């Protein structure tokens, strides 16, 4: 999934602000540092999701039979291959 820079920054701000509102959470760093780390973590997750998506699509494309994207068969295979890739990562 592609998220533009502004949306990613907004999401990171929301994460930092939400954490700051929780009484049990204390920051050892300033809020901006927390926001930057949240942004890095989100970028890493989105990059990994992109790699998983690409791998699942490649497996479908390599089938002997042509499977049309959006068909029920494609959706089933995509979910299966996507979940297989996630399991390989131990997530």
N, C-alpha and C. Protein backbone atom coordinates (compact mmCIF):
# COMPACT_ATOMS: atom_id res chain seq x y z
N UNK A 1 0.85 -1.17 0.00
CA UNK A 1 0.00 0.00 0.00
C UNK A 1 0.90 1.24 0.00
N UNK A 2 0.59 2.16 -0.88
CA UNK A 2 1.36 3.39 -0.97
C UNK A 2 0.65 4.48 -0.17
N UNK A 3 1.38 5.10 0.73
CA UNK A 3 0.86 6.22 1.50
C UNK A 3 1.81 7.38 1.26
N UNK A 4 1.27 8.53 0.91
CA UNK A 4 2.15 9.66 0.65
C UNK A 4 2.77 10.18 1.94
N UNK A 5 3.79 10.99 1.78
CA UNK A 5 4.58 11.49 2.92
C UNK A 5 3.71 12.24 3.93
N UNK A 6 2.80 13.07 3.46
CA UNK A 6 1.95 13.85 4.37
C UNK A 6 1.07 12.95 5.23
N UNK A 7 0.48 11.94 4.61
CA UNK A 7 -0.38 11.02 5.36
C UNK A 7 0.44 10.21 6.36
N UNK A 8 1.64 9.83 5.97
CA UNK A 8 2.49 9.08 6.89
C UNK A 8 2.89 9.95 8.08
N UNK A 9 3.22 11.21 7.83
CA UNK A 9 3.54 12.14 8.92
C UNK A 9 2.35 12.35 9.84
N UNK A 10 1.16 12.48 9.26
CA UNK A 10 -0.06 12.67 10.05
C UNK A 10 -0.30 11.45 10.95
N UNK A 11 -0.10 10.27 10.38
CA UNK A 11 -0.28 9.04 11.15
C UNK A 11 0.74 8.95 12.29
N UNK A 12 1.99 9.33 12.01
CA UNK A 12 3.03 9.31 13.05
C UNK A 12 2.71 10.32 14.15
N UNK A 13 2.19 11.49 13.78
CA UNK A 13 1.77 12.49 14.79
C UNK A 13 0.65 11.91 15.65
N UNK A 14 -0.29 11.24 15.03
CA UNK A 14 -1.41 10.65 15.76
C UNK A 14 -0.92 9.60 16.75
N UNK A 15 0.04 8.78 16.32
CA UNK A 15 0.60 7.76 17.21
C UNK A 15 1.27 8.42 18.41
N UNK A 16 2.12 9.42 18.16
CA UNK A 16 2.83 10.10 19.25
C UNK A 16 1.84 10.80 20.19
N UNK A 17 0.84 11.49 19.63
CA UNK A 17 -0.15 12.19 20.45
C UNK A 17 -0.97 11.22 21.29
N UNK A 18 -1.35 10.10 20.69
CA UNK A 18 -2.13 9.10 21.41
C UNK A 18 -1.32 8.51 22.56
N UNK A 19 -0.06 8.20 22.30
CA UNK A 19 0.80 7.69 23.37
C UNK A 19 0.96 8.71 24.49
N UNK A 20 1.08 9.97 24.14
CA UNK A 20 1.25 11.02 25.15
C UNK A 20 0.02 11.16 26.05
N UNK A 21 -1.15 10.80 25.54
CA UNK A 21 -2.38 10.91 26.32
C UNK A 21 -2.56 9.77 27.31
N UNK A 22 -1.79 8.70 27.17
CA UNK A 22 -1.93 7.55 28.05
C UNK A 22 -1.09 7.79 29.31
N UNK A 23 -1.74 7.76 30.45
CA UNK A 23 -1.07 8.06 31.72
C UNK A 23 0.07 7.11 32.03
N UNK A 24 -0.07 5.85 31.63
CA UNK A 24 0.93 4.83 31.94
C UNK A 24 2.17 4.92 31.05
N UNK A 25 2.13 5.80 30.04
CA UNK A 25 3.25 5.93 29.10
C UNK A 25 4.05 7.16 29.43
N UNK A 26 5.36 6.96 29.58
CA UNK A 26 6.26 8.09 29.80
C UNK A 26 7.31 8.11 28.71
N UNK A 27 7.63 9.28 28.22
CA UNK A 27 8.61 9.41 27.16
C UNK A 27 10.00 9.68 27.74
N UNK A 28 10.99 8.97 27.25
CA UNK A 28 12.37 9.23 27.62
C UNK A 28 12.99 10.25 26.66
N UNK A 29 12.35 10.43 25.52
CA UNK A 29 12.79 11.39 24.50
C UNK A 29 11.67 12.40 24.29
N UNK A 30 11.99 13.46 23.55
CA UNK A 30 10.95 14.46 23.27
C UNK A 30 9.93 13.88 22.27
N UNK A 31 8.80 14.52 22.19
CA UNK A 31 7.71 14.01 21.36
C UNK A 31 8.09 13.94 19.88
N UNK A 32 8.90 14.88 19.41
CA UNK A 32 9.31 14.86 18.00
C UNK A 32 10.15 13.63 17.69
N UNK A 33 11.02 13.24 18.59
CA UNK A 33 11.82 12.03 18.40
C UNK A 33 10.92 10.80 18.35
N UNK A 34 9.92 10.77 19.22
CA UNK A 34 8.96 9.67 19.23
C UNK A 34 8.22 9.62 17.89
N UNK A 35 7.79 10.78 17.40
CA UNK A 35 7.08 10.86 16.12
C UNK A 35 7.97 10.35 14.98
N UNK A 36 9.24 10.74 14.98
CA UNK A 36 10.16 10.29 13.93
C UNK A 36 10.36 8.78 13.97
N UNK A 37 10.47 8.22 15.16
CA UNK A 37 10.63 6.77 15.29
C UNK A 37 9.36 6.04 14.86
N UNK A 38 8.20 6.60 15.19
CA UNK A 38 6.94 6.00 14.75
C UNK A 38 6.87 6.03 13.23
N UNK A 39 7.31 7.11 12.63
CA UNK A 39 7.30 7.22 11.16
C UNK A 39 8.23 6.17 10.54
N UNK A 40 9.41 6.00 11.11
CA UNK A 40 10.35 4.99 10.61
C UNK A 40 9.75 3.59 10.71
N UNK A 41 9.11 3.31 11.83
CA UNK A 41 8.50 1.99 12.03
C UNK A 41 7.37 1.77 11.02
N UNK A 42 6.56 2.79 10.79
CA UNK A 42 5.47 2.67 9.82
C UNK A 42 6.03 2.49 8.41
N UNK A 43 7.07 3.21 8.06
CA UNK A 43 7.69 3.05 6.73
C UNK A 43 8.21 1.63 6.54
N UNK A 44 8.86 1.10 7.57
CA UNK A 44 9.39 -0.26 7.51
C UNK A 44 8.27 -1.27 7.31
N UNK A 45 7.19 -1.12 8.06
CA UNK A 45 6.04 -2.03 7.92
C UNK A 45 5.42 -1.95 6.53
N UNK A 46 5.29 -0.76 6.00
CA UNK A 46 4.70 -0.60 4.68
C UNK A 46 5.60 -1.16 3.59
N UNK A 47 6.90 -1.01 3.74
CA UNK A 47 7.84 -1.59 2.78
C UNK A 47 7.76 -3.11 2.80
N UNK A 48 7.69 -3.67 3.99
CA UNK A 48 7.59 -5.13 4.12
C UNK A 48 6.27 -5.62 3.53
N UNK A 49 5.20 -4.89 3.77
CA UNK A 49 3.90 -5.25 3.21
C UNK A 49 3.97 -5.22 1.69
N UNK A 50 4.67 -4.26 1.14
CA UNK A 50 4.84 -4.17 -0.31
C UNK A 50 5.58 -5.36 -0.88
N UNK A 51 6.61 -5.81 -0.17
CA UNK A 51 7.37 -6.98 -0.62
C UNK A 51 6.50 -8.24 -0.56
N UNK A 52 5.69 -8.37 0.48
CA UNK A 52 4.80 -9.52 0.61
C UNK A 52 3.77 -9.51 -0.51
N UNK A 53 3.20 -8.34 -0.79
CA UNK A 53 2.21 -8.20 -1.86
C UNK A 53 2.82 -8.58 -3.21
N UNK A 54 4.03 -8.10 -3.47
CA UNK A 54 4.71 -8.40 -4.74
C UNK A 54 4.97 -9.89 -4.87
N UNK A 55 5.41 -10.53 -3.80
CA UNK A 55 5.69 -11.97 -3.84
C UNK A 55 4.42 -12.76 -4.11
N UNK A 56 3.32 -12.39 -3.46
CA UNK A 56 2.05 -13.09 -3.68
C UNK A 56 1.58 -12.93 -5.12
N UNK A 57 1.67 -11.72 -5.65
CA UNK A 57 1.26 -11.46 -7.03
C UNK A 57 2.13 -12.22 -8.02
N UNK A 58 3.41 -12.32 -7.74
CA UNK A 58 4.34 -13.03 -8.62
C UNK A 58 4.00 -14.53 -8.67
N UNK A 59 3.66 -15.09 -7.51
CA UNK A 59 3.28 -16.51 -7.47
C UNK A 59 2.03 -16.76 -8.31
N UNK A 60 1.09 -15.84 -8.26
CA UNK A 60 -0.13 -16.00 -9.07
C UNK A 60 0.21 -15.86 -10.56
N UNK A 61 1.05 -14.92 -10.88
CA UNK A 61 1.43 -14.70 -12.29
C UNK A 61 2.19 -15.88 -12.86
N UNK A 62 2.87 -16.64 -12.02
CA UNK A 62 3.67 -17.78 -12.47
C UNK A 62 2.86 -19.08 -12.59
N UNK A 63 1.56 -19.00 -12.37
CA UNK A 63 0.72 -20.18 -12.52
C UNK A 63 0.65 -20.56 -14.01
N UNK A 64 0.50 -21.82 -14.29
CA UNK A 64 0.37 -22.27 -15.69
C UNK A 64 -0.87 -21.67 -16.33
N UNK A 65 -1.92 -21.63 -15.57
CA UNK A 65 -3.20 -21.12 -16.05
C UNK A 65 -3.24 -19.60 -15.80
N UNK A 66 -3.79 -18.85 -16.74
CA UNK A 66 -3.93 -17.41 -16.56
C UNK A 66 -5.11 -17.16 -15.62
N UNK A 67 -4.82 -16.45 -14.55
CA UNK A 67 -5.84 -16.16 -13.55
C UNK A 67 -6.05 -14.65 -13.54
N UNK A 68 -7.26 -14.24 -13.81
CA UNK A 68 -7.59 -12.83 -13.92
C UNK A 68 -7.68 -12.19 -12.54
N UNK A 69 -6.94 -11.08 -12.38
CA UNK A 69 -6.99 -10.36 -11.11
C UNK A 69 -8.41 -9.87 -10.87
N UNK A 70 -8.87 -10.05 -9.64
CA UNK A 70 -10.23 -9.66 -9.28
C UNK A 70 -11.20 -10.82 -9.28
N UNK A 71 -10.81 -11.92 -9.92
CA UNK A 71 -11.69 -13.09 -9.94
C UNK A 71 -11.65 -13.75 -8.55
N UNK A 72 -12.63 -14.59 -8.30
CA UNK A 72 -12.69 -15.28 -7.02
C UNK A 72 -11.46 -16.16 -6.83
N UNK A 73 -11.05 -16.85 -7.89
CA UNK A 73 -9.87 -17.71 -7.81
C UNK A 73 -8.62 -16.89 -7.48
N UNK A 74 -8.48 -15.72 -8.11
CA UNK A 74 -7.33 -14.86 -7.86
C UNK A 74 -7.32 -14.41 -6.40
N UNK A 75 -8.46 -13.99 -5.92
CA UNK A 75 -8.56 -13.53 -4.53
C UNK A 75 -8.19 -14.62 -3.53
N UNK A 76 -8.65 -15.84 -3.79
CA UNK A 76 -8.33 -16.96 -2.91
C UNK A 76 -6.84 -17.25 -2.92
N UNK A 77 -6.26 -17.31 -4.12
CA UNK A 77 -4.82 -17.57 -4.22
C UNK A 77 -4.01 -16.43 -3.60
N UNK A 78 -4.43 -15.20 -3.83
CA UNK A 78 -3.71 -14.06 -3.26
C UNK A 78 -3.68 -14.15 -1.74
N UNK A 79 -4.84 -14.39 -1.15
CA UNK A 79 -4.90 -14.53 0.32
C UNK A 79 -4.00 -15.66 0.81
N UNK A 80 -4.03 -16.79 0.11
CA UNK A 80 -3.21 -17.94 0.51
C UNK A 80 -1.73 -17.60 0.42
N UNK A 81 -1.30 -17.07 -0.72
CA UNK A 81 0.11 -16.76 -0.91
C UNK A 81 0.56 -15.62 0.00
N UNK A 82 -0.29 -14.64 0.20
CA UNK A 82 0.03 -13.53 1.09
C UNK A 82 0.26 -14.06 2.51
N UNK A 83 -0.66 -14.89 2.98
CA UNK A 83 -0.54 -15.47 4.32
C UNK A 83 0.69 -16.36 4.44
N UNK A 84 1.02 -17.09 3.37
CA UNK A 84 2.24 -17.91 3.37
C UNK A 84 3.48 -17.03 3.56
N UNK A 85 3.52 -15.92 2.85
CA UNK A 85 4.67 -15.00 2.96
C UNK A 85 4.76 -14.39 4.37
N UNK A 86 3.62 -14.07 4.93
CA UNK A 86 3.61 -13.52 6.29
C UNK A 86 4.12 -14.55 7.28
N UNK A 87 3.68 -15.80 7.12
CA UNK A 87 4.14 -16.87 8.00
C UNK A 87 5.64 -17.08 7.91
N UNK A 88 6.19 -16.95 6.70
CA UNK A 88 7.65 -17.10 6.52
C UNK A 88 8.42 -16.09 7.37
N UNK A 89 7.83 -14.91 7.55
CA UNK A 89 8.46 -13.86 8.35
C UNK A 89 8.24 -14.05 9.85
N UNK A 90 7.37 -14.98 10.20
CA UNK A 90 7.10 -15.24 11.61
C UNK A 90 6.18 -14.20 12.24
N UNK A 91 5.38 -13.57 11.41
CA UNK A 91 4.46 -12.53 11.92
C UNK A 91 3.12 -13.16 12.23
